[in-house]
Amino acid sequence: MSSETIGEPSPSVPQKRNNNNNSDSESDVNNDHLIGNVQRVAIVPPNYEGKPKKGHLIFDASFECGNLGRVDYVNDNEYDLFIRPDTCSPRFRCWFLFTVENVKANQRVIFHIVNFSKVKSLYRDGMTPLVKSTSRKRWQRLPTRTVFYYRCPDHRKNYVMSFTFCFDREDDIYQFAYSFPYTYTKLQNYLDDLEQRQLGFVQRRPLVYSVQKRRLDLVTVASPSLLIKGKKKKVVIVTARVHPGETPSSYVCQGFIEFIISDHPIARLLRDHIVFHIVPMLNPDGVFLGNQRCSLLGFDLNRVWHDPSHWAHPEIYGIKTHIMKLNEDPDFEVDFFIDIHAHSTMMNGFMYGNVYDDVNRSEKHTVFPQLLSNNAEDFSINNTTFNRDAFKAGTGRRTLGGCLQESTHCYTLEVSFFSYQTSINSQAIPYTEDLYQQLGRNLARTFVDYYKSINYISWSPSCSIMPRLKEDRIKSRLTRQSTSMPIVNQDEAFLNGETFNLSIDGFIYPQTHNNNDPE
């Protein structure tokens, strides 16, 4: 049910703190009511009777990708917020996305998110929540000086993330998020638009349907002449969003798609030689429901690749069956499987690869990450690791690395929820939707370098289409950073005056401290 059809919100009976305890357009969000989230709840003081007044905040998360399970009144300026756990899996609590309305101009508040399931967090390194409003459509990061991450004695000494905020426009609805949202509906709108372009080298079909009957889309990109039966062709498989709260992976994947379908000479060359199979959203139910890690039924779908169930894990069952058929088809040679994720405790982009007993195979397995580090200023080869630990035996990378041909390279591509640092400057550069997509574009470019290195593609580009050296791109990026404002506030909206009043002058809260000491 949408917020418009609910009518007047009923006042919530406030609960005292319990000490035992890109910018999306409106068409990119489905407003069907989701059970478990707050639904336009007005938080009023104790013993208050009557309709909520202006300044009695109304919280809502009953929309696609929304997540906020409970709000406790502490005082007129302070609220405890509880993340709703993943469906059928109370272990995972990290993703949040909710709206606040019925505010007064210049109303100042403190929100405490009190039930994160992980202790380690990028909040220790300066990450902050995102905010936008109905009159300011672009997501902006809150300044670091307004966000505090600390161990709280009022909540069993759990770690709490508190942030201060000043509502400056009474008629706006404000939206707060852990990271840049990317909904199932947004993906469907994007793929629908892609289909309408009627590109001869793009095919889209539902591979399978999820438990709740949502599409698991497979996008195939290749020149039609390459798909002739009986012709040998190399295949690259890219997947994303098996963990629904890892929204940056969707932006990386979209950037990848946008590049390989473009008119860029590198993209045309790739389409003429490589068949790309892309599954942009491996966990559509979890995404729609606003889960962090699990599917509707509470399964971590990146731990069931070794033995997926057609009824409990239809998404993994479908994509694994598809990959194994390609592996057995003499027309196809599966060269790469890359599964895109986002990381909640590390900076930069990096990869996880496999370890093999064959030394020659292991050495070849290190080549692609090295090439990607040459193309992407945000990719860290130092953070890239190769392992075969038992804990990750059920992942796509580990499972497929053990059952596909020895020539197949299987990786997990991780990207930070927050920022990256470069080799020539230690200043952290926060990711934006476009910077995530840029990593996807650079991932696509790297395949040309790889296939040139094994003499599968022969190409001598002109200077006009040669990518800039990595150092030049880094210097260009850093020179565009303004020295007059914090790096977390870098956004075109600031240049246009379309920014929030993020000042906390005169709003001192001595009880809250930023304690980021390590465990």
Protein backbone atom coordinates (compact mmCIF):
# COMPACT_ATOMS: atom_id res chain seq x y z
CA MET A 1 0.00 0.00 0.00
CA SER A 2 1.41 3.41 -0.91
CA SER A 3 1.76 6.18 1.64
CA GLU A 4 -0.74 8.29 -0.23
CA THR A 5 -3.55 5.78 0.31
CA ILE A 6 -2.96 5.26 4.01
CA GLY A 7 -4.56 8.48 5.12
CA GLU A 8 -3.77 10.14 8.44
CA PRO A 9 -1.05 8.30 10.32
CA SER A 10 -2.07 7.11 13.74
CA PRO A 11 0.16 8.19 16.62
CA SER A 12 2.56 5.54 17.75
CA VAL A 13 2.65 4.62 21.42
CA PRO A 14 6.22 5.69 22.16
CA GLN A 15 8.59 3.24 23.72
CA LYS A 16 11.32 4.41 26.00
CA ARG A 17 14.82 3.28 25.18
CA ASN A 18 15.21 -0.34 26.28
CA ASN A 19 18.62 -0.83 27.84
CA ASN A 20 18.38 -4.56 27.27
CA ASN A 21 18.34 -4.35 23.69
CA ASN A 22 21.56 7.64 -7.95
CA SER A 23 19.06 9.13 -7.45
CA ASP A 24 16.07 6.93 -7.93
CA SER A 25 13.02 8.40 -9.60
CA GLU A 26 9.55 7.66 -8.26
CA SER A 27 9.02 5.19 -11.10
CA ASP A 28 12.00 3.18 -9.87
CA VAL A 29 10.30 2.23 -6.59
CA ASN A 30 7.35 -0.09 -6.01
CA ASN A 31 5.31 1.21 -3.06
CA ASP A 32 3.56 -2.05 -2.18
CA HIS A 33 3.48 -2.39 1.59
CA LEU A 34 6.18 -4.67 2.99
CA ILE A 35 5.37 -6.50 6.22
CA GLY A 36 7.87 -5.93 9.04
CA ASN A 37 8.75 -2.34 8.22
CA VAL A 38 7.29 0.73 9.90
CA GLN A 39 4.41 2.12 7.85
CA ARG A 40 3.95 5.87 8.22
CA VAL A 41 4.26 5.75 11.99
CA ALA A 42 4.06 9.08 13.82
CA ILE A 43 6.29 9.15 16.89
CA VAL A 44 4.77 11.34 19.63
CA PRO A 45 5.75 12.03 23.27
CA PRO A 46 4.48 9.78 26.08
CA ASN A 47 0.87 10.35 27.16
CA TYR A 48 0.22 12.50 24.10
CA GLU A 49 -3.32 12.28 22.73
CA GLY A 50 -4.76 13.51 19.46
CA LYS A 51 -3.47 13.87 15.96
CA PRO A 52 0.28 14.32 15.42
CA LYS A 53 1.41 17.93 15.32
CA LYS A 54 3.95 19.46 13.01
CA GLY A 55 7.31 18.25 14.24
CA HIS A 56 6.02 14.86 15.37
CA LEU A 57 8.11 12.88 12.93
CA ILE A 58 6.46 10.31 10.67
CA PHE A 59 8.70 7.39 9.69
CA ASP A 60 8.04 5.08 6.75
CA ALA A 61 9.89 2.14 5.21
CA SER A 62 6.98 0.19 3.73
CA PHE A 63 8.18 0.46 0.14
CA GLU A 64 10.49 -1.46 -2.17
CA CYS A 65 13.98 -1.88 -0.68
CA GLY A 66 12.87 -0.08 2.49
CA ASN A 67 14.16 -1.22 5.85
CA LEU A 68 13.29 0.17 9.27
CA GLY A 69 11.68 -2.15 11.77
CA ARG A 70 11.03 0.04 14.81
CA VAL A 71 11.40 3.56 16.17
CA ASP A 72 11.67 4.37 19.90
CA TYR A 73 11.07 7.84 21.28
CA VAL A 74 13.89 9.02 23.57
CA ASN A 75 13.04 12.72 23.76
CA ASP A 76 11.77 15.44 21.44
CA ASN A 77 15.10 15.55 19.61
CA GLU A 78 16.30 11.98 19.88
CA TYR A 79 15.15 8.63 18.47
CA ASP A 80 16.41 5.04 18.57
CA LEU A 81 16.04 3.28 15.21
CA PHE A 82 16.05 -0.50 14.75
CA ILE A 83 16.97 -2.18 11.46
CA ARG A 84 14.59 -4.96 10.47
CA PRO A 85 16.52 -8.25 10.17
CA ASP A 86 16.55 -10.17 6.91
CA THR A 87 13.43 -12.25 6.34
CA CYS A 88 13.75 -15.67 8.01
CA SER A 89 17.30 -14.82 9.11
CA PRO A 90 17.70 -12.58 12.19
CA ARG A 91 21.51 -12.65 11.93
CA PHE A 92 21.86 -9.91 9.32
CA ARG A 93 21.09 -6.27 10.13
CA CYS A 94 22.97 -3.63 8.16
CA TRP A 95 20.95 -2.16 5.28
CA PHE A 96 18.52 0.66 6.07
CA LEU A 97 16.36 2.88 3.90
CA PHE A 98 13.52 4.99 5.28
CA THR A 99 11.73 8.31 4.96
CA VAL A 100 10.91 11.03 7.49
CA GLU A 101 8.20 13.65 7.04
CA ASN A 102 5.96 16.07 8.99
CA VAL A 103 9.05 18.01 10.06
CA LYS A 104 9.36 21.62 11.17
CA ALA A 105 11.81 24.01 9.56
CA ASN A 106 15.15 24.02 11.40
CA GLN A 107 14.10 21.04 13.52
CA ARG A 108 17.22 19.33 14.81
CA VAL A 109 17.34 15.66 15.69
CA ILE A 110 19.66 12.83 16.64
CA PHE A 111 19.01 9.39 15.18
CA HIS A 112 20.66 6.35 16.77
CA ILE A 113 20.76 3.14 14.71
CA VAL A 114 21.24 0.70 17.54
CA ASN A 115 21.18 -2.90 16.28
CA PHE A 116 23.83 -3.41 13.60
CA SER A 117 24.83 -7.05 13.42
CA LYS A 118 28.51 -6.35 12.59
CA VAL A 119 31.05 -4.64 14.80
CA LYS A 120 33.55 -3.78 12.07
CA SER A 121 32.26 -1.00 9.87
CA LEU A 122 33.42 1.68 7.46
CA TYR A 123 31.75 4.16 9.81
CA ARG A 124 35.03 3.89 11.71
CA ASP A 125 36.83 5.18 8.62
CA GLY A 126 34.59 8.16 7.92
CA MET A 127 31.66 6.66 6.01
CA THR A 128 28.37 8.45 6.64
CA PRO A 129 24.71 7.84 5.72
CA LEU A 130 23.17 9.29 2.57
CA VAL A 131 20.29 11.75 2.46
CA LYS A 132 18.06 13.26 -0.19
CA SER A 133 14.63 14.91 -0.17
CA THR A 134 11.72 15.55 -2.50
CA SER A 135 13.15 18.91 -3.57
CA ARG A 136 16.77 17.71 -3.75
CA LYS A 137 16.88 14.52 -5.76
CA ARG A 138 20.60 13.79 -5.61
CA TRP A 139 21.97 11.68 -2.78
CA GLN A 140 24.45 13.48 -0.53
CA ARG A 141 26.66 12.11 2.22
CA LEU A 142 26.32 13.63 5.66
CA PRO A 143 29.46 15.38 6.91
CA THR A 144 31.72 13.20 9.02
CA ARG A 145 31.50 15.65 11.92
CA THR A 146 27.80 14.82 12.34
CA VAL A 147 28.20 11.02 12.49
CA PHE A 148 29.41 8.97 15.45
CA TYR A 149 30.15 5.25 15.70
CA TYR A 150 30.75 3.96 19.20
CA ARG A 151 30.11 1.22 21.72
CA CYS A 152 26.97 2.14 23.64
CA PRO A 153 26.33 1.05 27.26
CA ASP A 154 22.58 1.60 26.78
CA HIS A 155 22.39 -1.19 24.19
CA ARG A 156 24.32 -4.12 25.71
CA LYS A 157 27.52 -2.34 24.71
CA ASN A 158 26.67 -2.94 21.05
CA TYR A 159 28.03 -0.57 18.47
CA VAL A 160 25.67 2.27 17.58
CA MET A 161 25.79 4.71 14.69
CA SER A 162 24.38 8.11 15.68
CA PHE A 163 23.96 11.09 13.40
CA THR A 164 22.62 14.58 13.82
CA PHE A 165 20.49 16.29 11.22
CA CYS A 166 18.64 19.56 10.72
CA PHE A 167 15.42 19.45 8.68
CA ASP A 168 15.32 22.71 6.75
CA ARG A 169 12.18 22.49 4.57
CA GLU A 170 8.82 21.69 6.14
CA ASP A 171 7.15 20.37 3.00
CA ASP A 172 9.95 17.99 2.04
CA ILE A 173 10.00 14.25 2.66
CA TYR A 174 13.51 13.24 3.65
CA GLN A 175 15.05 9.88 2.79
CA PHE A 176 18.02 8.26 4.56
CA ALA A 177 20.00 5.26 3.28
CA TYR A 178 22.99 3.10 4.12
CA SER A 179 24.16 3.31 0.49
CA PHE A 180 22.85 4.36 -2.92
CA PRO A 181 19.62 2.35 -3.44
CA TYR A 182 19.16 0.30 -6.59
CA THR A 183 15.76 -1.39 -6.70
CA TYR A 184 14.43 -4.35 -8.63
CA THR A 185 12.01 -1.99 -10.36
CA LYS A 186 14.89 0.29 -11.36
CA LEU A 187 16.62 -2.66 -13.01
CA GLN A 188 13.44 -3.70 -14.83
CA ASN A 189 12.95 -0.14 -16.11
CA TYR A 190 16.56 -0.04 -17.29
CA LEU A 191 16.31 -3.39 -19.09
CA ASP A 192 12.94 -2.45 -20.59
CA ASP A 193 14.51 0.71 -22.03
CA LEU A 194 17.43 -1.37 -23.31
CA GLU A 195 15.04 -3.72 -25.10
CA GLN A 196 13.19 -0.82 -26.68
CA ARG A 197 16.43 0.36 -28.27
CA GLN A 198 16.30 -2.85 -30.38
CA LEU A 199 20.06 -3.30 -30.54
CA GLY A 200 20.83 -6.28 -32.72
CA PHE A 201 23.65 -7.45 -30.47
CA VAL A 202 21.62 -7.46 -27.22
CA GLN A 203 19.26 -10.22 -26.10
CA ARG A 204 17.27 -10.36 -22.87
CA ARG A 205 15.31 -13.24 -21.43
CA PRO A 206 14.22 -14.51 -18.01
CA LEU A 207 16.54 -17.32 -17.05
CA VAL A 208 14.26 -18.47 -14.20
CA TYR A 209 11.81 -16.88 -11.76
CA SER A 210 12.38 -16.34 -8.06
CA VAL A 211 10.30 -17.80 -5.22
CA GLN A 212 8.07 -14.71 -5.41
CA LYS A 213 7.96 -14.98 -9.22
CA ARG A 214 10.32 -12.13 -10.06
CA ARG A 215 12.46 -12.33 -13.19
CA LEU A 216 16.07 -13.46 -13.07
CA ASP A 217 17.13 -11.64 -16.22
CA LEU A 218 19.91 -12.90 -18.45
CA VAL A 219 21.37 -10.28 -20.81
CA THR A 220 23.48 -11.58 -23.69
CA VAL A 221 25.70 -9.15 -25.59
CA ALA A 222 27.53 -10.29 -28.74
CA SER A 223 27.62 -9.58 -32.44
CA PRO A 224 25.01 -11.76 -34.22
CA SER A 225 27.70 -13.19 -36.51
CA LEU A 226 29.48 -14.58 -33.44
CA LEU A 227 26.44 -16.57 -32.31
CA ILE A 228 26.26 -18.78 -35.41
CA LYS A 229 25.94 -22.41 -34.38
CA GLY A 230 29.10 -24.42 -34.92
CA LYS A 231 31.35 -21.38 -34.48
CA LYS A 232 33.71 -21.53 -31.51
CA LYS A 233 33.31 -18.56 -29.16
CA LYS A 234 34.66 -17.41 -25.84
CA VAL A 235 32.25 -16.52 -23.03
CA VAL A 236 32.48 -14.04 -20.15
CA ILE A 237 29.86 -14.39 -17.39
CA VAL A 238 29.20 -11.47 -15.04
CA THR A 239 26.72 -11.59 -12.14
CA ALA A 240 25.78 -9.11 -9.41
CA ARG A 241 23.58 -8.50 -6.40
CA VAL A 242 23.49 -11.99 -4.87
CA HIS A 243 23.57 -10.09 -1.56
CA PRO A 244 20.66 -7.63 -1.83
CA GLY A 245 22.06 -4.92 0.46
CA GLU A 246 25.21 -4.61 -1.65
CA THR A 247 23.71 -1.98 -3.94
CA PRO A 248 27.03 -0.66 -5.35
CA SER A 249 27.39 -3.94 -7.25
CA SER A 250 24.33 -3.01 -9.33
CA TYR A 251 25.89 0.28 -10.36
CA VAL A 252 29.15 -1.45 -11.29
CA CYS A 253 27.19 -3.98 -13.34
CA GLN A 254 25.18 -1.28 -15.10
CA GLY A 255 28.37 0.57 -15.96
CA PHE A 256 29.73 -2.67 -17.41
CA ILE A 257 26.62 -3.18 -19.54
CA GLU A 258 26.52 0.43 -20.69
CA PHE A 259 30.09 0.22 -21.94
CA ILE A 260 29.89 -3.07 -23.82
CA ILE A 261 26.70 -1.97 -25.65
CA SER A 262 28.15 1.43 -26.52
CA ASP A 263 29.64 2.62 -29.82
CA HIS A 264 33.11 2.85 -28.31
CA PRO A 265 35.67 1.09 -30.55
CA ILE A 266 36.75 -1.13 -27.66
CA ALA A 267 33.14 -2.17 -27.06
CA ARG A 268 32.62 -3.02 -30.73
CA LEU A 269 35.83 -5.05 -30.73
CA LEU A 270 34.75 -6.99 -27.65
CA ARG A 271 31.32 -7.77 -29.10
CA ASP A 272 32.94 -9.10 -32.27
CA HIS A 273 35.09 -11.58 -30.34
CA ILE A 274 33.42 -12.33 -26.98
CA VAL A 275 29.95 -13.45 -25.87
CA PHE A 276 28.93 -11.71 -22.65
CA HIS A 277 26.30 -13.31 -20.41
CA ILE A 278 25.20 -10.96 -17.62
CA VAL A 279 22.80 -11.59 -14.74
CA PRO A 280 22.46 -8.14 -13.11
CA MET A 281 20.43 -9.23 -10.05
CA LEU A 282 20.85 -12.73 -8.62
CA ASN A 283 18.58 -12.16 -5.60
CA PRO A 284 15.54 -10.18 -6.79
CA ASP A 285 13.32 -11.16 -3.85
CA GLY A 286 15.91 -10.12 -1.28
CA VAL A 287 16.43 -6.82 -3.11
CA PHE A 288 12.71 -6.06 -3.23
CA LEU A 289 12.26 -6.90 0.45
CA GLY A 290 15.09 -4.69 1.65
CA ASN A 291 17.22 -7.54 3.00
CA GLN A 292 20.93 -7.18 3.58
CA ARG A 293 22.26 -10.62 2.67
CA CYS A 294 19.56 -13.27 2.33
CA SER A 295 16.74 -14.37 0.07
CA LEU A 296 13.05 -14.42 0.99
CA LEU A 297 13.52 -17.80 2.70
CA GLY A 298 16.56 -16.65 4.68
CA PHE A 299 19.27 -18.32 2.58
CA ASP A 300 22.62 -16.72 1.81
CA LEU A 301 22.54 -17.53 -1.89
CA ASN A 302 26.30 -17.19 -2.16
CA ARG A 303 26.79 -20.21 0.07
CA VAL A 304 24.63 -22.71 -1.84
CA TRP A 305 26.35 -22.91 -5.24
CA HIS A 306 27.71 -26.39 -4.50
CA ASP A 307 24.19 -27.86 -4.19
CA PRO A 308 21.40 -25.39 -5.06
CA SER A 309 17.77 -26.41 -4.69
CA HIS A 310 15.38 -25.73 -7.57
CA TRP A 311 12.63 -24.75 -5.11
CA ALA A 312 14.58 -23.02 -2.29
CA HIS A 313 17.32 -21.39 -4.39
CA PRO A 314 15.84 -21.23 -7.91
CA GLU A 315 18.05 -18.28 -8.86
CA ILE A 316 21.34 -20.09 -8.16
CA TYR A 317 19.96 -23.36 -9.52
CA GLY A 318 19.03 -21.58 -12.76
CA ILE A 319 22.28 -19.70 -13.32
CA LYS A 320 24.48 -22.66 -12.35
CA THR A 321 22.54 -24.94 -14.72
CA HIS A 322 23.00 -22.36 -17.49
CA ILE A 323 26.74 -22.09 -16.86
CA MET A 324 27.25 -25.85 -16.77
CA LYS A 325 25.41 -26.22 -20.11
CA LEU A 326 27.73 -23.61 -21.63
CA ASN A 327 30.70 -25.46 -20.18
CA GLU A 328 29.59 -28.70 -21.83
CA ASP A 329 28.72 -27.12 -25.21
CA PRO A 330 31.59 -27.56 -27.70
CA ASP A 331 30.65 -24.22 -29.30
CA PHE A 332 31.46 -22.29 -26.13
CA GLU A 333 34.57 -21.82 -24.04
CA VAL A 334 33.79 -20.19 -20.67
CA ASP A 335 36.80 -18.00 -19.92
CA PHE A 336 35.56 -15.89 -17.00
CA PHE A 337 33.03 -15.89 -14.19
CA ILE A 338 33.01 -12.62 -12.23
CA ASP A 339 30.56 -12.10 -9.37
CA ILE A 340 30.26 -8.45 -8.24
CA HIS A 341 29.83 -7.59 -4.55
CA ALA A 342 30.21 -4.61 -2.18
CA HIS A 343 32.36 -4.67 0.96
CA SER A 344 31.35 -3.11 4.28
CA THR A 345 34.77 -2.89 5.97
CA MET A 346 37.39 -2.28 3.26
CA MET A 347 38.29 0.54 0.88
CA ASN A 348 38.74 0.44 -2.89
CA GLY A 349 37.82 -2.20 -5.40
CA PHE A 350 39.63 -5.52 -5.19
CA MET A 351 39.22 -9.17 -6.08
CA TYR A 352 39.10 -12.57 -4.46
CA GLY A 353 40.58 -15.31 -6.59
CA ASN A 354 41.18 -19.03 -6.18
CA VAL A 355 44.27 -21.02 -5.24
CA TYR A 356 45.18 -24.04 -7.35
CA ASP A 357 47.70 -26.85 -6.88
CA ASP A 358 48.93 -26.28 -10.44
CA VAL A 359 51.47 -23.45 -10.16
CA ASN A 360 51.09 -22.48 -13.81
CA ARG A 361 47.32 -22.19 -13.43
CA SER A 362 47.70 -20.09 -10.28
CA GLU A 363 50.11 -17.73 -12.04
CA LYS A 364 47.73 -17.26 -14.97
CA HIS A 365 44.95 -16.57 -12.46
CA THR A 366 46.77 -13.45 -11.20
CA VAL A 367 46.99 -11.78 -14.61
CA PHE A 368 43.49 -10.31 -14.92
CA PRO A 369 43.52 -8.48 -11.53
CA GLN A 370 46.90 -6.99 -12.45
CA LEU A 371 45.49 -5.71 -15.75
CA LEU A 372 42.41 -4.28 -14.02
CA SER A 373 44.62 -2.39 -11.58
CA ASN A 374 46.30 -0.72 -14.56
CA ASN A 375 42.95 0.51 -15.89
CA ALA A 376 41.07 1.44 -12.71
CA GLU A 377 42.50 4.00 -10.33
CA ASP A 378 40.26 2.72 -7.53
CA PHE A 379 41.23 -0.95 -7.86
CA SER A 380 43.73 -2.15 -5.26
CA ILE A 381 46.00 -5.03 -6.20
CA ASN A 382 47.30 -4.98 -2.60
CA ASN A 383 43.82 -5.83 -1.26
CA THR A 384 43.36 -8.59 -3.84
CA THR A 385 43.76 -12.06 -2.34
CA PHE A 386 43.65 -15.66 -3.50
CA ASN A 387 42.30 -18.32 -1.14
CA ARG A 388 40.42 -21.55 -0.76
CA ASP A 389 39.22 -21.27 2.82
CA ALA A 390 36.47 -23.70 3.80
CA PHE A 391 34.11 -20.93 4.92
CA LYS A 392 33.67 -19.76 1.32
CA ALA A 393 33.45 -23.20 -0.26
CA GLY A 394 29.81 -22.63 -1.29
CA THR A 395 30.42 -19.37 -3.13
CA GLY A 396 30.11 -19.03 -6.88
CA ARG A 397 33.82 -18.30 -7.22
CA ARG A 398 34.93 -21.37 -5.30
CA THR A 399 32.32 -23.79 -6.64
CA LEU A 400 32.69 -22.90 -10.31
CA GLY A 401 36.46 -22.68 -9.98
CA GLY A 402 36.40 -26.33 -9.06
CA CYS A 403 33.94 -27.67 -11.64
CA LEU A 404 34.54 -25.65 -14.82
CA GLN A 405 37.43 -26.13 -17.23
CA GLU A 406 40.90 -25.41 -15.93
CA SER A 407 41.17 -22.48 -18.34
CA THR A 408 38.23 -20.69 -16.67
CA HIS A 409 39.02 -17.83 -14.29
CA CYS A 410 36.52 -17.32 -11.45
CA TYR A 411 36.65 -14.17 -9.34
CA THR A 412 34.66 -12.17 -6.85
CA LEU A 413 34.95 -8.44 -7.57
CA GLU A 414 34.44 -6.38 -4.42
CA VAL A 415 33.94 -2.62 -4.20
CA SER A 416 33.83 -0.53 -1.05
CA PHE A 417 30.56 0.90 0.24
CA PHE A 418 32.44 4.09 0.99
CA SER A 419 35.57 5.25 -0.80
CA TYR A 420 38.90 4.51 -2.38
CA GLN A 421 42.45 5.70 -2.03
CA THR A 422 45.03 5.88 -4.79
CA SER A 423 48.68 4.96 -4.88
CA ILE A 424 49.76 8.59 -5.27
CA ASN A 425 47.45 10.21 -2.73
CA SER A 426 46.15 8.95 0.61
CA GLN A 427 43.08 11.18 0.53
CA ALA A 428 39.90 9.10 0.49
CA ILE A 429 37.63 9.71 -2.51
CA PRO A 430 34.01 8.76 -1.74
CA TYR A 431 32.25 6.67 -4.33
CA THR A 432 29.24 8.03 -6.19
CA GLU A 433 26.84 6.24 -8.49
CA ASP A 434 28.94 7.35 -11.46
CA LEU A 435 32.22 6.27 -9.90
CA TYR A 436 30.76 2.81 -9.29
CA GLN A 437 29.67 2.68 -12.92
CA GLN A 438 33.14 3.83 -13.96
CA LEU A 439 34.61 0.75 -12.28
CA GLY A 440 32.22 -1.34 -14.40
CA ARG A 441 33.39 0.43 -17.54
CA ASN A 442 37.02 -0.16 -16.61
CA LEU A 443 36.27 -3.82 -15.93
CA ALA A 444 34.96 -4.13 -19.49
CA ARG A 445 38.00 -2.39 -20.97
CA THR A 446 40.30 -4.81 -19.19
CA PHE A 447 39.06 -7.72 -21.27
CA VAL A 448 40.68 -6.18 -24.36
CA ASP A 449 44.01 -6.06 -22.52
CA TYR A 450 43.62 -9.65 -21.40
CA TYR A 451 42.71 -11.05 -24.81
CA LYS A 452 45.52 -9.08 -26.43
CA SER A 453 47.93 -10.60 -23.92
CA ILE A 454 47.00 -14.13 -25.03
CA ASN A 455 46.98 -13.10 -28.72
CA TYR A 456 43.26 -13.73 -29.16
CA ILE A 457 42.60 -10.12 -30.16
CA SER A 458 44.93 -8.09 -32.32
CA TRP A 459 44.38 -4.37 -32.05
CA SER A 460 46.44 -1.20 -32.42
CA PRO A 461 44.21 1.68 -31.31
CA SER A 462 44.75 5.23 -32.45
CA CYS A 463 45.85 7.82 -29.93
CA SER A 464 42.37 9.34 -29.99
CA ILE A 465 40.84 6.30 -28.32
CA MET A 466 43.74 5.26 -26.10
CA PRO A 467 42.73 5.45 -22.44
CA ARG A 468 44.68 7.91 -20.32
CA LEU A 469 47.41 6.58 -18.11
CA LYS A 470 46.24 5.63 -14.66
CA GLU A 471 48.38 8.34 -13.02
CA ASP A 472 46.88 11.01 -15.28
CA ARG A 473 43.35 9.93 -14.37
CA ILE A 474 44.17 10.07 -10.67
CA LYS A 475 45.68 13.55 -10.93
CA SER A 476 42.67 14.76 -12.91
CA ARG A 477 40.31 13.34 -10.30
CA LEU A 478 42.18 14.94 -7.40
CA THR A 479 42.44 18.36 -9.04
CA ARG A 480 38.65 18.40 -9.38
CA GLN A 481 38.30 18.03 -5.60
CA SER A 482 37.52 21.38 -4.03
CA THR A 483 39.86 22.49 -1.27
CA SER A 484 37.17 24.65 0.35
CA MET A 485 34.78 21.88 1.39
CA PRO A 486 35.08 18.45 2.98
CA ILE A 487 35.56 15.64 0.50
CA VAL A 488 32.41 13.91 1.69
CA ASN A 489 30.39 16.86 0.38
CA GLN A 490 31.64 16.69 -3.20
CA ASP A 491 28.52 16.78 -5.35
CA GLU A 492 27.20 18.89 -8.20
CA ALA A 493 24.26 19.77 -6.01
CA PHE A 494 26.56 21.80 -3.81
CA LEU A 495 27.68 23.84 -6.80
CA ASN A 496 24.05 24.51 -7.67
CA GLY A 497 23.06 25.50 -4.15
CA GLU A 498 20.76 22.48 -3.94
CA THR A 499 22.25 21.24 -0.72
CA PHE A 500 21.06 20.56 2.80
CA ASN A 501 21.74 22.70 5.84
CA LEU A 502 24.18 20.27 7.39
CA SER A 503 25.55 22.61 10.03
CA ILE A 504 25.37 21.50 13.66
CA ASP A 505 26.40 24.85 15.17
CA GLY A 506 24.60 25.35 18.45
CA PHE A 507 23.50 21.74 18.55
CA ILE A 508 25.90 20.14 20.97
CA TYR A 509 25.24 16.68 22.33
CA PRO A 510 27.90 15.92 24.95
CA GLN A 511 26.58 12.44 25.77
CA THR A 512 27.57 11.08 22.33
CA HIS A 513 31.22 10.46 21.54
CA ASN A 514 32.93 9.27 18.40
CA ASN A 515 34.78 6.24 19.73
CA ASN A 516 36.40 4.50 16.79
CA ASP A 517 39.03 2.62 18.75
CA PRO A 518 39.67 -0.85 17.36
CA GLU A 519 38.44 -3.93 19.18
